[in-house]
Amino acid sequence: MTTRIGIIGDFNAQNSTHTFTNDGIQHAAEILGKPLEAVWLPTDQPAEYPKFQGLFGSPGSPYRSFDGALAGIRYARENKIPFIGTCGGSQHLMIEYARNVMGLADAAHAETDPYASCLFVTPLTCSLVGMTMAVAIKPGSKAAAAYQTERSMEAYYCNFGLNPVYQERLECAGLQITGKDENGEARIVELSSHPFFMGTLFVPQAQSKPGTPHPLILAFCRAAISI
């Protein structure tokens, strides 16, 4: 039986992170010995989420529909569907959580609404586009179980991240920060009460290769196969 992965995002063949996403899923499929079908779900079109065993929040924001992206993430969270969001997908994961779990209905992304009253995702102090940097991984987390290590070097393509003002509040609300940079800022978030619900500010699939899929993409695909 083929496991179907719905990729929430607006595919652009010229965006290398999009081709990395397709490739990363197939690299995981080869190692797992199970067929995986990746289907892109444009954010401005209705999607039949129940048809998918896993959902993936793609890099490449701003999306054509902000609300469309949040709807897919919310479906995955509420229905215990394995989900991973990378770069923009992770940023929108945090906003969805802020709005629908933390009660911050006006939580916004500075990329699309820079003058919002509650800027939950804001510009990074320094752009990380093209950077490869260390991430410290929290022992005992799902991320650590996937990596089997407490430190990793990861590739970034982003200019935005969690507003540090909300970091402690986010964790108190149940979304754990399980990966941090050298300054203690959020780089991986996950929901321990969910089978697999994770966001990474970096793009793990960028480092996936045939025979060596990225550990987080492999863990996500394994979770989707088990549904």
C-alpha atoms as a PDB file:
ATOM      1  CA  MET A   1       0.000   0.000   0.000  1.00  0.00           C
ATOM      2  CA  THR A   2       1.314   3.434  -0.961  1.00  0.00           C
ATOM      3  CA  THR A   3       1.574   6.042   1.789  1.00  0.00           C
ATOM      4  CA  ARG A   4       0.505   9.488   0.584  1.00  0.00           C
ATOM      5  CA  ILE A   5       2.260  12.633   1.795  1.00  0.00           C
ATOM      6  CA  GLY A   6       0.483  15.925   1.190  1.00  0.00           C
ATOM      7  CA  ILE A   7       2.913  18.824   0.822  1.00  0.00           C
ATOM      8  CA  ILE A   8       1.251  22.067   1.881  1.00  0.00           C
ATOM      9  CA  GLY A   9       2.790  24.709  -0.369  1.00  0.00           C
ATOM     10  CA  ASP A  10       2.814  26.262  -3.810  1.00  0.00           C
ATOM     11  CA  PHE A  11       5.230  24.219  -5.899  1.00  0.00           C
ATOM     12  CA  ASN A  12       7.822  26.101  -7.905  1.00  0.00           C
ATOM     13  CA  ALA A  13      10.259  23.999  -9.919  1.00  0.00           C
ATOM     14  CA  GLN A  14      12.770  26.854  -9.748  1.00  0.00           C
ATOM     15  CA  ASN A  15      12.818  26.748  -5.942  1.00  0.00           C
ATOM     16  CA  SER A  16      15.558  24.338  -4.927  1.00  0.00           C
ATOM     17  CA  THR A  17      13.990  23.712  -1.508  1.00  0.00           C
ATOM     18  CA  HIS A  18      10.910  22.340  -3.273  1.00  0.00           C
ATOM     19  CA  THR A  19      12.900  19.841  -5.303  1.00  0.00           C
ATOM     20  CA  PHE A  20      14.835  18.969  -2.136  1.00  0.00           C
ATOM     21  CA  THR A  21      11.495  18.204  -0.477  1.00  0.00           C
ATOM     22  CA  ASN A  22      10.405  15.798  -3.199  1.00  0.00           C
ATOM     23  CA  ASP A  23      13.822  14.136  -3.242  1.00  0.00           C
ATOM     24  CA  GLY A  24      14.073  13.886   0.550  1.00  0.00           C
ATOM     25  CA  ILE A  25      10.804  12.002   0.792  1.00  0.00           C
ATOM     26  CA  GLN A  26      11.884   9.547  -1.891  1.00  0.00           C
ATOM     27  CA  HIS A  27      15.260   9.002  -0.213  1.00  0.00           C
ATOM     28  CA  ALA A  28      13.357   8.059   2.954  1.00  0.00           C
ATOM     29  CA  ALA A  29      11.066   5.738   0.990  1.00  0.00           C
ATOM     30  CA  GLU A  30      14.075   3.861  -0.404  1.00  0.00           C
ATOM     31  CA  ILE A  31      15.512   3.261   3.063  1.00  0.00           C
ATOM     32  CA  LEU A  32      12.145   2.302   4.554  1.00  0.00           C
ATOM     33  CA  GLY A  33      11.385  -0.030   1.653  1.00  0.00           C
ATOM     34  CA  LYS A  34       7.879   1.395   1.345  1.00  0.00           C
ATOM     35  CA  PRO A  35       6.282   3.372  -1.516  1.00  0.00           C
ATOM     36  CA  LEU A  36       5.641   7.023  -0.696  1.00  0.00           C
ATOM     37  CA  GLU A  37       3.706   9.351  -2.978  1.00  0.00           C
ATOM     38  CA  ALA A  38       4.277  13.086  -2.530  1.00  0.00           C
ATOM     39  CA  VAL A  39       1.398  15.309  -3.660  1.00  0.00           C
ATOM     40  CA  TRP A  40       1.672  19.095  -3.578  1.00  0.00           C
ATOM     41  CA  LEU A  41      -1.384  20.862  -2.140  1.00  0.00           C
ATOM     42  CA  PRO A  42      -1.602  24.495  -3.323  1.00  0.00           C
ATOM     43  CA  THR A  43      -2.524  26.707  -0.394  1.00  0.00           C
ATOM     44  CA  ASP A  44      -5.163  28.618  -2.365  1.00  0.00           C
ATOM     45  CA  GLN A  45      -7.114  25.511  -3.347  1.00  0.00           C
ATOM     46  CA  PRO A  46      -9.312  23.163  -1.265  1.00  0.00           C
ATOM     47  CA  ALA A  47      -7.468  20.034  -0.122  1.00  0.00           C
ATOM     48  CA  GLU A  48      -8.818  16.645   0.931  1.00  0.00           C
ATOM     49  CA  TYR A  49      -6.542  16.167   3.938  1.00  0.00           C
ATOM     50  CA  PRO A  50      -8.119  12.844   5.052  1.00  0.00           C
ATOM     51  CA  LYS A  51      -6.643  11.200   1.947  1.00  0.00           C
ATOM     52  CA  PHE A  52      -3.110  11.647   3.282  1.00  0.00           C
ATOM     53  CA  GLN A  53      -1.194   9.719   5.935  1.00  0.00           C
ATOM     54  CA  GLY A  54       1.284  12.558   6.443  1.00  0.00           C
ATOM     55  CA  LEU A  55       1.330  16.322   5.842  1.00  0.00           C
ATOM     56  CA  PHE A  56       4.433  18.410   5.156  1.00  0.00           C
ATOM     57  CA  GLY A  57       4.622  22.196   5.506  1.00  0.00           C
ATOM     58  CA  SER A  58       6.945  23.231   2.698  1.00  0.00           C
ATOM     59  CA  PRO A  59       9.567  25.958   2.605  1.00  0.00           C
ATOM     60  CA  GLY A  60       8.936  28.851   0.252  1.00  0.00           C
ATOM     61  CA  SER A  61       6.630  31.284   2.034  1.00  0.00           C
ATOM     62  CA  PRO A  62       4.902  33.666   1.624  1.00  0.00           C
ATOM     63  CA  TYR A  63       2.260  31.215   0.469  1.00  0.00           C
ATOM     64  CA  ARG A  64      -0.497  32.188  -1.933  1.00  0.00           C
ATOM     65  CA  SER A  65      -2.956  31.684   0.929  1.00  0.00           C
ATOM     66  CA  PHE A  66      -1.855  32.248   4.527  1.00  0.00           C
ATOM     67  CA  ASP A  67      -5.115  30.827   5.853  1.00  0.00           C
ATOM     68  CA  GLY A  68      -4.900  27.835   3.531  1.00  0.00           C
ATOM     69  CA  ALA A  69      -1.492  26.921   4.934  1.00  0.00           C
ATOM     70  CA  LEU A  70      -2.725  27.258   8.522  1.00  0.00           C
ATOM     71  CA  ALA A  71      -5.781  25.085   7.785  1.00  0.00           C
ATOM     72  CA  GLY A  72      -3.614  22.145   6.721  1.00  0.00           C
ATOM     73  CA  ILE A  73      -1.367  22.465   9.765  1.00  0.00           C
ATOM     74  CA  ARG A  74      -4.373  22.653  12.083  1.00  0.00           C
ATOM     75  CA  TYR A  75      -5.876  19.544  10.500  1.00  0.00           C
ATOM     76  CA  ALA A  76      -2.663  17.604  11.098  1.00  0.00           C
ATOM     77  CA  ARG A  77      -2.397  18.771  14.710  1.00  0.00           C
ATOM     78  CA  GLU A  78      -6.007  18.117  15.663  1.00  0.00           C
ATOM     79  CA  ASN A  79      -6.307  14.784  13.847  1.00  0.00           C
ATOM     80  CA  LYS A  80      -2.961  13.336  14.967  1.00  0.00           C
ATOM     81  CA  ILE A  81      -1.640  13.144  11.395  1.00  0.00           C
ATOM     82  CA  PRO A  82       2.182  13.104  11.229  1.00  0.00           C
ATOM     83  CA  PHE A  83       3.395  16.557  10.246  1.00  0.00           C
ATOM     84  CA  ILE A  84       6.693  18.262   9.672  1.00  0.00           C
ATOM     85  CA  GLY A  85       7.109  21.898   8.676  1.00  0.00           C
ATOM     86  CA  THR A  86      10.448  23.234   7.486  1.00  0.00           C
ATOM     87  CA  CYS A  87      11.498  26.890   7.192  1.00  0.00           C
ATOM     88  CA  GLY A  88       8.238  28.701   6.285  1.00  0.00           C
ATOM     89  CA  GLY A  89       6.292  25.581   7.223  1.00  0.00           C
ATOM     90  CA  SER A  90       7.721  25.768  10.739  1.00  0.00           C
ATOM     91  CA  GLN A  91       6.993  29.480  11.051  1.00  0.00           C
ATOM     92  CA  HIS A  92       3.361  28.883  10.116  1.00  0.00           C
ATOM     93  CA  LEU A  93       3.160  25.912  12.492  1.00  0.00           C
ATOM     94  CA  MET A  94       4.014  28.267  15.346  1.00  0.00           C
ATOM     95  CA  ILE A  95       1.456  30.847  14.250  1.00  0.00           C
ATOM     96  CA  GLU A  96      -1.256  28.188  13.943  1.00  0.00           C
ATOM     97  CA  TYR A  97      -0.436  27.025  17.466  1.00  0.00           C
ATOM     98  CA  ALA A  98      -0.430  30.571  18.801  1.00  0.00           C
ATOM     99  CA  ARG A  99      -3.818  31.335  17.299  1.00  0.00           C
ATOM    100  CA  ASN A 100      -5.683  28.111  17.967  1.00  0.00           C
ATOM    101  CA  VAL A 101      -4.074  26.780  21.144  1.00  0.00           C
ATOM    102  CA  MET A 102      -2.627  29.802  22.920  1.00  0.00           C
ATOM    103  CA  GLY A 103      -5.606  32.015  22.118  1.00  0.00           C
ATOM    104  CA  LEU A 104      -3.557  34.705  20.366  1.00  0.00           C
ATOM    105  CA  ALA A 105      -6.055  35.243  17.566  1.00  0.00           C
ATOM    106  CA  ASP A 106      -4.051  38.108  16.093  1.00  0.00           C
ATOM    107  CA  ALA A 107      -0.710  36.248  16.013  1.00  0.00           C
ATOM    108  CA  ALA A 108       0.936  37.209  12.734  1.00  0.00           C
ATOM    109  CA  HIS A 109       3.979  36.809  10.508  1.00  0.00           C
ATOM    110  CA  ALA A 110       6.059  39.928   9.891  1.00  0.00           C
ATOM    111  CA  GLU A 111       6.689  38.829   6.300  1.00  0.00           C
ATOM    112  CA  THR A 112       3.019  39.214   5.391  1.00  0.00           C
ATOM    113  CA  ASP A 113       1.687  41.557   8.105  1.00  0.00           C
ATOM    114  CA  PRO A 114       4.598  43.663   9.404  1.00  0.00           C
ATOM    115  CA  TYR A 115       2.410  46.095  11.355  1.00  0.00           C
ATOM    116  CA  ALA A 116       0.296  43.496  13.170  1.00  0.00           C
ATOM    117  CA  SER A 117      -0.344  43.954  16.885  1.00  0.00           C
ATOM    118  CA  CYS A 118       1.024  40.480  17.733  1.00  0.00           C
ATOM    119  CA  LEU A 119       4.098  39.691  15.680  1.00  0.00           C
ATOM    120  CA  PHE A 120       4.761  36.075  16.596  1.00  0.00           C
ATOM    121  CA  VAL A 121       7.245  35.477  13.773  1.00  0.00           C
ATOM    122  CA  THR A 122       9.706  38.289  13.174  1.00  0.00           C
ATOM    123  CA  PRO A 123      12.859  39.009  11.139  1.00  0.00           C
ATOM    124  CA  LEU A 124      15.969  37.288  12.447  1.00  0.00           C
ATOM    125  CA  THR A 125      18.742  39.516  13.744  1.00  0.00           C
ATOM    126  CA  CYS A 126      20.857  38.242  10.864  1.00  0.00           C
ATOM    127  CA  SER A 127      19.621  36.504   7.725  1.00  0.00           C
ATOM    128  CA  LEU A 128      20.383  32.776   7.702  1.00  0.00           C
ATOM    129  CA  VAL A 129      19.949  32.310   3.961  1.00  0.00           C
ATOM    130  CA  GLY A 130      22.777  30.125   2.690  1.00  0.00           C
ATOM    131  CA  MET A 131      24.142  29.472   6.181  1.00  0.00           C
ATOM    132  CA  THR A 132      24.985  26.110   7.755  1.00  0.00           C
ATOM    133  CA  MET A 133      24.910  26.322  11.531  1.00  0.00           C
ATOM    134  CA  ALA A 134      24.920  24.113  14.606  1.00  0.00           C
ATOM    135  CA  VAL A 135      21.734  23.078  16.380  1.00  0.00           C
ATOM    136  CA  ALA A 136      21.781  21.750  19.960  1.00  0.00           C
ATOM    137  CA  ILE A 137      19.135  19.031  20.354  1.00  0.00           C
ATOM    138  CA  LYS A 138      17.294  18.411  23.614  1.00  0.00           C
ATOM    139  CA  PRO A 139      17.907  14.937  25.070  1.00  0.00           C
ATOM    140  CA  GLY A 140      14.804  12.787  25.338  1.00  0.00           C
ATOM    141  CA  SER A 141      12.957  14.621  22.574  1.00  0.00           C
ATOM    142  CA  LYS A 142      11.559  13.113  19.386  1.00  0.00           C
ATOM    143  CA  ALA A 143      14.196  15.091  17.514  1.00  0.00           C
ATOM    144  CA  ALA A 144      16.973  13.513  19.593  1.00  0.00           C
ATOM    145  CA  ALA A 145      15.509  10.049  19.028  1.00  0.00           C
ATOM    146  CA  ALA A 146      15.611  10.658  15.279  1.00  0.00           C
ATOM    147  CA  TYR A 147      19.115  12.115  15.215  1.00  0.00           C
ATOM    148  CA  GLN A 148      20.670   9.785  17.798  1.00  0.00           C
ATOM    149  CA  THR A 149      22.885  12.714  18.707  1.00  0.00           C
ATOM    150  CA  GLU A 150      22.609  16.011  20.571  1.00  0.00           C
ATOM    151  CA  ARG A 151      24.155  18.264  17.935  1.00  0.00           C
ATOM    152  CA  SER A 152      23.736  18.690  14.197  1.00  0.00           C
ATOM    153  CA  MET A 153      24.891  21.057  11.454  1.00  0.00           C
ATOM    154  CA  GLU A 154      21.916  22.268   9.410  1.00  0.00           C
ATOM    155  CA  ALA A 155      21.279  24.344   6.275  1.00  0.00           C
ATOM    156  CA  TYR A 156      19.117  27.466   6.437  1.00  0.00           C
ATOM    157  CA  TYR A 157      17.189  29.400   3.802  1.00  0.00           C
ATOM    158  CA  CYS A 158      15.236  31.819   5.997  1.00  0.00           C
ATOM    159  CA  ASN A 159      15.045  35.388   7.221  1.00  0.00           C
ATOM    160  CA  PHE A 160      12.328  34.916   9.870  1.00  0.00           C
ATOM    161  CA  GLY A 161      11.904  32.998  13.108  1.00  0.00           C
ATOM    162  CA  LEU A 162      10.006  32.863  16.387  1.00  0.00           C
ATOM    163  CA  ASN A 163       9.869  36.207  18.159  1.00  0.00           C
ATOM    164  CA  PRO A 164      12.043  35.537  21.268  1.00  0.00           C
ATOM    165  CA  VAL A 165       9.518  37.468  23.367  1.00  0.00           C
ATOM    166  CA  TYR A 166       7.115  34.530  22.990  1.00  0.00           C
ATOM    167  CA  GLN A 167       9.597  31.693  23.391  1.00  0.00           C
ATOM    168  CA  GLU A 168       8.905  30.912  27.056  1.00  0.00           C
ATOM    169  CA  ARG A 169       5.161  31.370  26.632  1.00  0.00           C
ATOM    170  CA  LEU A 170       5.115  28.975  23.676  1.00  0.00           C
ATOM    171  CA  GLU A 171       6.782  26.245  25.720  1.00  0.00           C
ATOM    172  CA  CYS A 172       4.466  26.823  28.673  1.00  0.00           C
ATOM    173  CA  ALA A 173       1.577  26.230  26.256  1.00  0.00           C
ATOM    174  CA  GLY A 174       2.961  22.802  25.341  1.00  0.00           C
ATOM    175  CA  LEU A 175       4.930  23.291  22.129  1.00  0.00           C
ATOM    176  CA  GLN A 176       8.422  22.277  23.182  1.00  0.00           C
ATOM    177  CA  ILE A 177      11.548  23.897  21.829  1.00  0.00           C
ATOM    178  CA  THR A 178      13.829  20.900  21.319  1.00  0.00           C
ATOM    179  CA  GLY A 179      16.482  22.448  19.113  1.00  0.00           C
ATOM    180  CA  LYS A 180      18.277  25.735  19.748  1.00  0.00           C
ATOM    181  CA  ASP A 181      21.090  27.741  18.205  1.00  0.00           C
ATOM    182  CA  GLU A 182      24.147  28.931  20.121  1.00  0.00           C
ATOM    183  CA  ASN A 183      22.151  31.907  21.409  1.00  0.00           C
ATOM    184  CA  GLY A 184      19.353  29.724  22.762  1.00  0.00           C
ATOM    185  CA  GLU A 185      16.841  30.696  20.070  1.00  0.00           C
ATOM    186  CA  ALA A 186      14.288  28.199  18.738  1.00  0.00           C
ATOM    187  CA  ARG A 187      15.332  26.061  15.790  1.00  0.00           C
ATOM    188  CA  ILE A 188      13.216  22.907  16.346  1.00  0.00           C
ATOM    189  CA  VAL A 189       9.773  22.743  17.947  1.00  0.00           C
ATOM    190  CA  GLU A 190       7.676  19.645  18.609  1.00  0.00           C
ATOM    191  CA  LEU A 191       4.484  18.535  20.302  1.00  0.00           C
ATOM    192  CA  SER A 192       5.169  15.604  22.627  1.00  0.00           C
ATOM    193  CA  SER A 193       1.483  14.649  22.885  1.00  0.00           C
ATOM    194  CA  HIS A 194       1.240  14.112  19.112  1.00  0.00           C
ATOM    195  CA  PRO A 195       2.510  11.027  17.207  1.00  0.00           C
ATOM    196  CA  PHE A 196       4.762  13.337  15.153  1.00  0.00           C
ATOM    197  CA  PHE A 197       4.303  17.104  14.959  1.00  0.00           C
ATOM    198  CA  MET A 198       7.518  19.018  14.388  1.00  0.00           C
ATOM    199  CA  GLY A 199       8.847  22.214  12.875  1.00  0.00           C
ATOM    200  CA  THR A 200      12.396  23.133  11.910  1.00  0.00           C
ATOM    201  CA  LEU A 201      13.587  26.624  11.026  1.00  0.00           C
ATOM    202  CA  PHE A 202      16.241  24.990   8.859  1.00  0.00           C
ATOM    203  CA  VAL A 203      15.613  22.833   5.772  1.00  0.00           C
ATOM    204  CA  PRO A 204      16.659  19.273   6.687  1.00  0.00           C
ATOM    205  CA  GLN A 205      15.743  17.858   3.271  1.00  0.00           C
ATOM    206  CA  ALA A 206      18.456  20.048   1.732  1.00  0.00           C
ATOM    207  CA  GLN A 207      21.035  17.644   3.167  1.00  0.00           C
ATOM    208  CA  SER A 208      19.265  14.442   2.147  1.00  0.00           C
ATOM    209  CA  LYS A 209      21.088  12.112  -0.238  1.00  0.00           C
ATOM    210  CA  PRO A 210      20.261   8.747  -1.820  1.00  0.00           C
ATOM    211  CA  GLY A 211      21.037   6.139   0.806  1.00  0.00           C
ATOM    212  CA  THR A 212      21.283   8.751   3.577  1.00  0.00           C
ATOM    213  CA  PRO A 213      17.977  10.567   4.070  1.00  0.00           C
ATOM    214  CA  HIS A 214      17.938  13.259   6.696  1.00  0.00           C
ATOM    215  CA  PRO A 215      17.072  11.722  10.104  1.00  0.00           C
ATOM    216  CA  LEU A 216      14.089  14.024  10.689  1.00  0.00           C
ATOM    217  CA  ILE A 217      12.590  13.386   7.246  1.00  0.00           C
ATOM    218  CA  LEU A 218      13.125   9.665   7.768  1.00  0.00           C
ATOM    219  CA  ALA A 219      11.404   9.806  11.167  1.00  0.00           C
ATOM    220  CA  PHE A 220       8.480  11.764   9.729  1.00  0.00           C
ATOM    221  CA  CYS A 221       8.025   9.320   6.842  1.00  0.00           C
ATOM    222  CA  ARG A 222       8.252   6.355   9.207  1.00  0.00           C
ATOM    223  CA  ALA A 223       5.494   7.908  11.330  1.00  0.00           C
ATOM    224  CA  ALA A 224       3.320   8.447   8.247  1.00  0.00           C
ATOM    225  CA  ILE A 225       3.761   4.832   7.144  1.00  0.00           C
ATOM    226  CA  SER A 226       2.615   3.656  10.573  1.00  0.00           C
ATOM    227  CA  ILE A 227      -0.761   5.457  10.300  1.00  0.00           C
END
